[in-house]
């Protein structure tokens, strides 16, 4: 029991220490810190983290808070927190206290769609800053964070339009089929009436 309580004390002391140096000059935040930045609990789902990130990044975006250094710093923290918590692998490392600065610098990888872009374009950070110019690129930020969601919405819209078109074609085919049945029925009744009148 004493061995277990000793481990618990060590764990508690690690959790309450100030941000620690990960060996590369950059401090890794405490376990609760990224969760606190996004205002979510450590048990939050990936979807909840993503929603909190969108909400926070919208509130503290530099374009909405021009000239506010506090908003710029907060926005940077929000992006760093989402970079870690939005990635399942990094989140696991972070929760275990194993996250290093090297893990953070290697997270801005291009998506499969961007793999054909020149190397200079791929080096843009997760936050949309062009490292060569040092200027915030809102378009790049928007594309990198919302492009997949917008593409899904476009795909859903196209599928709905396709389904609606097929339903309209089906309705048209059914109407044509019914009209054909009615026409054939009228012709048969007319033919029977003609045959009966000829017999008399």
C-alpha atoms as a PDB file:
ATOM      1  CA  UNK A   1       0.000   0.000   0.000  1.00  0.00           C
ATOM      2  CA  UNK A   2       2.846   2.407   0.769  1.00  0.00           C
ATOM      3  CA  UNK A   3       4.361   1.753  -2.657  1.00  0.00           C
ATOM      4  CA  UNK A   4       1.059   2.597  -4.332  1.00  0.00           C
ATOM      5  CA  UNK A   5       0.588   5.770  -2.267  1.00  0.00           C
ATOM      6  CA  UNK A   6       4.167   6.777  -3.132  1.00  0.00           C
ATOM      7  CA  UNK A   7       3.348   6.474  -6.852  1.00  0.00           C
ATOM      8  CA  UNK A   8       0.173   8.467  -6.324  1.00  0.00           C
ATOM      9  CA  UNK A   9       2.138  11.251  -4.573  1.00  0.00           C
ATOM     10  CA  UNK A  10       4.664  11.317  -7.442  1.00  0.00           C
ATOM     11  CA  UNK A  11       1.854  11.526  -9.972  1.00  0.00           C
ATOM     12  CA  UNK A  12       0.125  14.295  -8.008  1.00  0.00           C
ATOM     13  CA  UNK A  13       3.341  16.280  -7.753  1.00  0.00           C
ATOM     14  CA  UNK A  14       3.894  15.976 -11.513  1.00  0.00           C
ATOM     15  CA  UNK A  15       0.369  17.169 -12.165  1.00  0.00           C
ATOM     16  CA  UNK A  16       0.694  20.245  -9.948  1.00  0.00           C
ATOM     17  CA  UNK A  17       4.101  21.407 -11.177  1.00  0.00           C
ATOM     18  CA  UNK A  18       4.449  24.419 -13.415  1.00  0.00           C
ATOM     19  CA  UNK A  19       4.759  23.700 -17.152  1.00  0.00           C
ATOM     20  CA  UNK A  20       7.846  21.606 -17.624  1.00  0.00           C
ATOM     21  CA  UNK A  21      10.605  21.764 -20.205  1.00  0.00           C
ATOM     22  CA  UNK A  22      10.287  18.949 -22.698  1.00  0.00           C
ATOM     23  CA  UNK A  23      13.984  19.004 -23.523  1.00  0.00           C
ATOM     24  CA  UNK A  24      13.809  21.279 -26.577  1.00  0.00           C
ATOM     25  CA  UNK A  25      13.418  24.659 -24.909  1.00  0.00           C
ATOM     26  CA  UNK A  26       9.660  24.735 -25.297  1.00  0.00           C
ATOM     27  CA  UNK A  27       7.403  23.971 -22.368  1.00  0.00           C
ATOM     28  CA  UNK A  28       4.706  21.381 -22.548  1.00  0.00           C
ATOM     29  CA  UNK A  29       1.519  22.426 -20.809  1.00  0.00           C
ATOM     30  CA  UNK A  30       0.110  20.596 -17.832  1.00  0.00           C
ATOM     31  CA  UNK A  31      -2.511  17.931 -18.437  1.00  0.00           C
ATOM     32  CA  UNK A  32      -5.499  20.108 -17.565  1.00  0.00           C
ATOM     33  CA  UNK A  33      -4.178  23.219 -19.306  1.00  0.00           C
ATOM     34  CA  UNK A  34      -5.150  22.454 -22.926  1.00  0.00           C
ATOM     35  CA  UNK A  35      -8.536  21.247 -21.745  1.00  0.00           C
ATOM     36  CA  UNK A  36      -8.983  24.463 -19.777  1.00  0.00           C
ATOM     37  CA  UNK A  37      -8.035  26.563 -22.797  1.00  0.00           C
ATOM     38  CA  UNK A  38     -10.752  24.911 -24.902  1.00  0.00           C
ATOM     39  CA  UNK A  39     -13.099  24.850 -21.890  1.00  0.00           C
ATOM     40  CA  UNK A  40     -13.738  21.104 -22.121  1.00  0.00           C
ATOM     41  CA  UNK A  41     -13.190  18.243 -19.716  1.00  0.00           C
ATOM     42  CA  UNK A  42     -10.544  15.539 -20.195  1.00  0.00           C
ATOM     43  CA  UNK A  43     -13.365  13.063 -20.857  1.00  0.00           C
ATOM     44  CA  UNK A  44     -14.722  15.087 -23.813  1.00  0.00           C
ATOM     45  CA  UNK A  45     -15.191  13.371 -27.156  1.00  0.00           C
ATOM     46  CA  UNK A  46     -13.304  14.450 -30.284  1.00  0.00           C
ATOM     47  CA  UNK A  47     -16.518  16.026 -31.599  1.00  0.00           C
ATOM     48  CA  UNK A  48     -16.940  18.072 -28.415  1.00  0.00           C
ATOM     49  CA  UNK A  49     -13.325  19.237 -28.626  1.00  0.00           C
ATOM     50  CA  UNK A  50     -13.783  20.232 -32.257  1.00  0.00           C
ATOM     51  CA  UNK A  51     -16.972  22.161 -31.461  1.00  0.00           C
ATOM     52  CA  UNK A  52     -15.278  23.956 -28.559  1.00  0.00           C
ATOM     53  CA  UNK A  53     -12.325  24.792 -30.808  1.00  0.00           C
ATOM     54  CA  UNK A  54     -14.546  26.306 -33.514  1.00  0.00           C
ATOM     55  CA  UNK A  55     -16.413  28.336 -30.919  1.00  0.00           C
ATOM     56  CA  UNK A  56     -13.250  29.619 -29.201  1.00  0.00           C
ATOM     57  CA  UNK A  57     -11.354  30.327 -32.439  1.00  0.00           C
ATOM     58  CA  UNK A  58     -14.314  32.310 -33.749  1.00  0.00           C
ATOM     59  CA  UNK A  59     -14.472  34.436 -30.589  1.00  0.00           C
ATOM     60  CA  UNK A  60     -10.729  35.161 -30.373  1.00  0.00           C
ATOM     61  CA  UNK A  61      -9.868  35.324 -34.067  1.00  0.00           C
ATOM     62  CA  UNK A  62      -7.436  38.212 -34.822  1.00  0.00           C
ATOM     63  CA  UNK A  63      -9.680  39.529 -37.602  1.00  0.00           C
ATOM     64  CA  UNK A  64     -12.514  39.961 -35.092  1.00  0.00           C
ATOM     65  CA  UNK A  65     -10.207  41.479 -32.446  1.00  0.00           C
ATOM     66  CA  UNK A  66      -7.950  43.796 -34.435  1.00  0.00           C
ATOM     67  CA  UNK A  67      -5.150  45.237 -32.333  1.00  0.00           C
ATOM     68  CA  UNK A  68      -5.818  43.071 -29.292  1.00  0.00           C
ATOM     69  CA  UNK A  69      -2.638  41.353 -28.170  1.00  0.00           C
ATOM     70  CA  UNK A  70      -4.589  39.382 -25.588  1.00  0.00           C
ATOM     71  CA  UNK A  71      -6.906  37.948 -28.283  1.00  0.00           C
ATOM     72  CA  UNK A  72      -3.915  37.088 -30.478  1.00  0.00           C
ATOM     73  CA  UNK A  73      -2.210  35.219 -27.637  1.00  0.00           C
ATOM     74  CA  UNK A  74      -5.463  33.480 -26.709  1.00  0.00           C
ATOM     75  CA  UNK A  75      -6.071  32.523 -30.345  1.00  0.00           C
ATOM     76  CA  UNK A  76      -2.564  31.054 -30.537  1.00  0.00           C
ATOM     77  CA  UNK A  77      -3.172  29.041 -27.344  1.00  0.00           C
ATOM     78  CA  UNK A  78      -6.512  27.790 -28.686  1.00  0.00           C
ATOM     79  CA  UNK A  79      -4.850  26.596 -31.890  1.00  0.00           C
ATOM     80  CA  UNK A  80      -2.041  24.899 -29.991  1.00  0.00           C
ATOM     81  CA  UNK A  81      -4.562  23.201 -27.702  1.00  0.00           C
ATOM     82  CA  UNK A  82      -6.619  21.981 -30.661  1.00  0.00           C
ATOM     83  CA  UNK A  83      -3.498  20.817 -32.494  1.00  0.00           C
ATOM     84  CA  UNK A  84      -2.859  18.473 -29.577  1.00  0.00           C
ATOM     85  CA  UNK A  85      -6.356  17.545 -28.421  1.00  0.00           C
ATOM     86  CA  UNK A  86      -7.796  17.316 -31.939  1.00  0.00           C
ATOM     87  CA  UNK A  87      -5.249  14.635 -32.846  1.00  0.00           C
ATOM     88  CA  UNK A  88      -6.010  11.307 -31.140  1.00  0.00           C
ATOM     89  CA  UNK A  89      -2.370  10.215 -31.021  1.00  0.00           C
ATOM     90  CA  UNK A  90      -1.087  13.503 -29.598  1.00  0.00           C
ATOM     91  CA  UNK A  91      -3.971  13.632 -27.149  1.00  0.00           C
ATOM     92  CA  UNK A  92      -3.029  10.199 -25.783  1.00  0.00           C
ATOM     93  CA  UNK A  93       0.587  11.289 -25.380  1.00  0.00           C
ATOM     94  CA  UNK A  94      -0.518  14.528 -23.743  1.00  0.00           C
ATOM     95  CA  UNK A  95      -2.836  12.753 -21.315  1.00  0.00           C
ATOM     96  CA  UNK A  96       0.002  10.436 -20.317  1.00  0.00           C
ATOM     97  CA  UNK A  97       2.445  13.340 -19.948  1.00  0.00           C
ATOM     98  CA  UNK A  98       4.635  12.041 -22.789  1.00  0.00           C
ATOM     99  CA  UNK A  99       4.102  14.879 -25.280  1.00  0.00           C
ATOM    100  CA  UNK A 100       7.274  16.608 -26.468  1.00  0.00           C
ATOM    101  CA  UNK A 101       7.905  19.782 -28.422  1.00  0.00           C
ATOM    102  CA  UNK A 102       9.032  17.588 -31.330  1.00  0.00           C
ATOM    103  CA  UNK A 103       5.536  16.099 -31.399  1.00  0.00           C
ATOM    104  CA  UNK A 104       4.056  19.595 -31.653  1.00  0.00           C
ATOM    105  CA  UNK A 105       6.286  20.757 -34.486  1.00  0.00           C
ATOM    106  CA  UNK A 106       5.531  17.682 -36.578  1.00  0.00           C
ATOM    107  CA  UNK A 107       1.733  18.016 -36.526  1.00  0.00           C
ATOM    108  CA  UNK A 108       1.131  20.446 -39.379  1.00  0.00           C
ATOM    109  CA  UNK A 109       1.087  17.794 -42.086  1.00  0.00           C
ATOM    110  CA  UNK A 110      -0.750  18.402 -45.368  1.00  0.00           C
ATOM    111  CA  UNK A 111      -3.940  16.500 -46.047  1.00  0.00           C
ATOM    112  CA  UNK A 112      -4.115  13.974 -48.871  1.00  0.00           C
ATOM    113  CA  UNK A 113      -5.643  16.638 -51.128  1.00  0.00           C
ATOM    114  CA  UNK A 114      -2.754  19.062 -50.496  1.00  0.00           C
ATOM    115  CA  UNK A 115       0.038  16.572 -51.130  1.00  0.00           C
ATOM    116  CA  UNK A 116       0.536  17.880 -54.689  1.00  0.00           C
ATOM    117  CA  UNK A 117       1.266  21.437 -53.506  1.00  0.00           C
ATOM    118  CA  UNK A 118       4.792  22.853 -53.590  1.00  0.00           C
ATOM    119  CA  UNK A 119       6.905  22.476 -50.464  1.00  0.00           C
ATOM    120  CA  UNK A 120       6.695  26.208 -49.579  1.00  0.00           C
ATOM    121  CA  UNK A 121       2.899  26.057 -49.442  1.00  0.00           C
ATOM    122  CA  UNK A 122       2.949  22.898 -47.312  1.00  0.00           C
ATOM    123  CA  UNK A 123       5.136  24.573 -44.677  1.00  0.00           C
ATOM    124  CA  UNK A 124       2.339  26.844 -43.539  1.00  0.00           C
ATOM    125  CA  UNK A 125       1.487  26.221 -39.944  1.00  0.00           C
ATOM    126  CA  UNK A 126      -1.765  24.933 -38.544  1.00  0.00           C
ATOM    127  CA  UNK A 127      -2.798  28.485 -37.652  1.00  0.00           C
ATOM    128  CA  UNK A 128      -2.509  29.793 -41.213  1.00  0.00           C
ATOM    129  CA  UNK A 129       0.672  31.831 -40.791  1.00  0.00           C
ATOM    130  CA  UNK A 130       3.068  31.859 -43.665  1.00  0.00           C
ATOM    131  CA  UNK A 131       6.440  31.364 -42.004  1.00  0.00           C
ATOM    132  CA  UNK A 132       8.273  33.286 -44.752  1.00  0.00           C
ATOM    133  CA  UNK A 133       6.115  36.421 -44.579  1.00  0.00           C
ATOM    134  CA  UNK A 134       4.983  36.313 -40.941  1.00  0.00           C
ATOM    135  CA  UNK A 135       1.504  37.528 -41.976  1.00  0.00           C
ATOM    136  CA  UNK A 136      -1.689  35.873 -40.840  1.00  0.00           C
ATOM    137  CA  UNK A 137      -3.522  34.308 -43.793  1.00  0.00           C
ATOM    138  CA  UNK A 138      -7.180  33.989 -42.885  1.00  0.00           C
ATOM    139  CA  UNK A 139      -8.006  32.199 -46.153  1.00  0.00           C
ATOM    140  CA  UNK A 140      -5.433  29.510 -45.401  1.00  0.00           C
ATOM    141  CA  UNK A 141      -6.690  29.192 -41.839  1.00  0.00           C
ATOM    142  CA  UNK A 142     -10.274  28.854 -43.052  1.00  0.00           C
ATOM    143  CA  UNK A 143      -9.338  26.296 -45.731  1.00  0.00           C
ATOM    144  CA  UNK A 144      -7.234  24.214 -43.347  1.00  0.00           C
ATOM    145  CA  UNK A 145      -9.888  24.070 -40.620  1.00  0.00           C
ATOM    146  CA  UNK A 146     -13.179  24.170 -42.478  1.00  0.00           C
ATOM    147  CA  UNK A 147     -12.506  22.791 -45.979  1.00  0.00           C
ATOM    148  CA  UNK A 148     -13.340  19.199 -45.086  1.00  0.00           C
ATOM    149  CA  UNK A 149     -16.592  20.259 -43.445  1.00  0.00           C
ATOM    150  CA  UNK A 150     -17.522  22.434 -46.440  1.00  0.00           C
ATOM    151  CA  UNK A 151     -16.674  19.601 -48.833  1.00  0.00           C
ATOM    152  CA  UNK A 152     -18.901  17.219 -46.851  1.00  0.00           C
ATOM    153  CA  UNK A 153     -21.725  19.742 -47.012  1.00  0.00           C
ATOM    154  CA  UNK A 154     -21.275  20.087 -50.793  1.00  0.00           C
ATOM    155  CA  UNK A 155     -21.262  16.301 -51.171  1.00  0.00           C
ATOM    156  CA  UNK A 156     -24.430  15.998 -49.071  1.00  0.00           C
ATOM    157  CA  UNK A 157     -26.120  18.709 -51.138  1.00  0.00           C
ATOM    158  CA  UNK A 158     -25.172  16.937 -54.393  1.00  0.00           C
ATOM    159  CA  UNK A 159     -26.473  13.610 -53.052  1.00  0.00           C
ATOM    160  CA  UNK A 160     -29.742  15.217 -51.951  1.00  0.00           C
ATOM    161  CA  UNK A 161     -30.190  16.824 -55.367  1.00  0.00           C
ATOM    162  CA  UNK A 162     -29.453  13.475 -57.022  1.00  0.00           C
ATOM    163  CA  UNK A 163     -31.963  11.679 -54.778  1.00  0.00           C
ATOM    164  CA  UNK A 164     -34.586  14.361 -55.457  1.00  0.00           C
ATOM    165  CA  UNK A 165     -34.005  14.067 -59.198  1.00  0.00           C
ATOM    166  CA  UNK A 166     -34.340  10.269 -59.019  1.00  0.00           C
ATOM    167  CA  UNK A 167     -37.505  10.575 -56.938  1.00  0.00           C
ATOM    168  CA  UNK A 168     -38.975  12.974 -59.489  1.00  0.00           C
ATOM    169  CA  UNK A 169     -38.040  10.568 -62.284  1.00  0.00           C
ATOM    170  CA  UNK A 170     -39.638   7.712 -60.337  1.00  0.00           C
ATOM    171  CA  UNK A 171     -42.798   9.760 -59.799  1.00  0.00           C
ATOM    172  CA  UNK A 172     -42.833  10.608 -63.512  1.00  0.00           C
ATOM    173  CA  UNK A 173     -42.351   6.943 -64.411  1.00  0.00           C
ATOM    174  CA  UNK A 174     -45.175   5.924 -62.059  1.00  0.00           C
ATOM    175  CA  UNK A 175     -47.499   8.551 -63.540  1.00  0.00           C
ATOM    176  CA  UNK A 176     -46.617   7.382 -67.032  1.00  0.00           C
ATOM    177  CA  UNK A 177     -47.204   3.772 -65.997  1.00  0.00           C
ATOM    178  CA  UNK A 178     -50.601   4.630 -64.506  1.00  0.00           C
ATOM    179  CA  UNK A 179     -51.572   6.655 -67.563  1.00  0.00           C
ATOM    180  CA  UNK A 180     -50.581   3.726 -69.761  1.00  0.00           C
ATOM    181  CA  UNK A 181     -52.688   1.350 -67.655  1.00  0.00           C
ATOM    182  CA  UNK A 182     -55.669   3.704 -67.811  1.00  0.00           C
ATOM    183  CA  UNK A 183     -55.209   4.134 -71.582  1.00  0.00           C
ATOM    184  CA  UNK A 184     -55.050   0.374 -72.121  1.00  0.00           C
ATOM    185  CA  UNK A 185     -58.133  -0.065 -69.919  1.00  0.00           C
ATOM    186  CA  UNK A 186     -60.082   2.560 -71.862  1.00  0.00           C
ATOM    187  CA  UNK A 187     -59.048   0.962 -75.149  1.00  0.00           C
ATOM    188  CA  UNK A 188     -60.173  -2.474 -73.924  1.00  0.00           C
ATOM    189  CA  UNK A 189     -63.524  -1.131 -72.740  1.00  0.00           C
ATOM    190  CA  UNK A 190     -63.966   0.693 -76.056  1.00  0.00           C
ATOM    191  CA  UNK A 191     -63.057  -2.461 -78.010  1.00  0.00           C
ATOM    192  CA  UNK A 192     -65.519  -4.548 -75.989  1.00  0.00           C
ATOM    193  CA  UNK A 193     -68.267  -1.961 -76.546  1.00  0.00           C
ATOM    194  CA  UNK A 194     -67.565  -1.938 -80.280  1.00  0.00           C
ATOM    195  CA  UNK A 195     -67.633  -5.752 -80.441  1.00  0.00           C
ATOM    196  CA  UNK A 196     -70.901  -5.882 -78.516  1.00  0.00           C
ATOM    197  CA  UNK A 197     -72.489  -3.252 -80.730  1.00  0.00           C
ATOM    198  CA  UNK A 198     -71.396  -5.155 -83.870  1.00  0.00           C
ATOM    199  CA  UNK A 199     -72.952  -8.384 -82.606  1.00  0.00           C
ATOM    200  CA  UNK A 200     -76.348  -6.748 -82.159  1.00  0.00           C
END
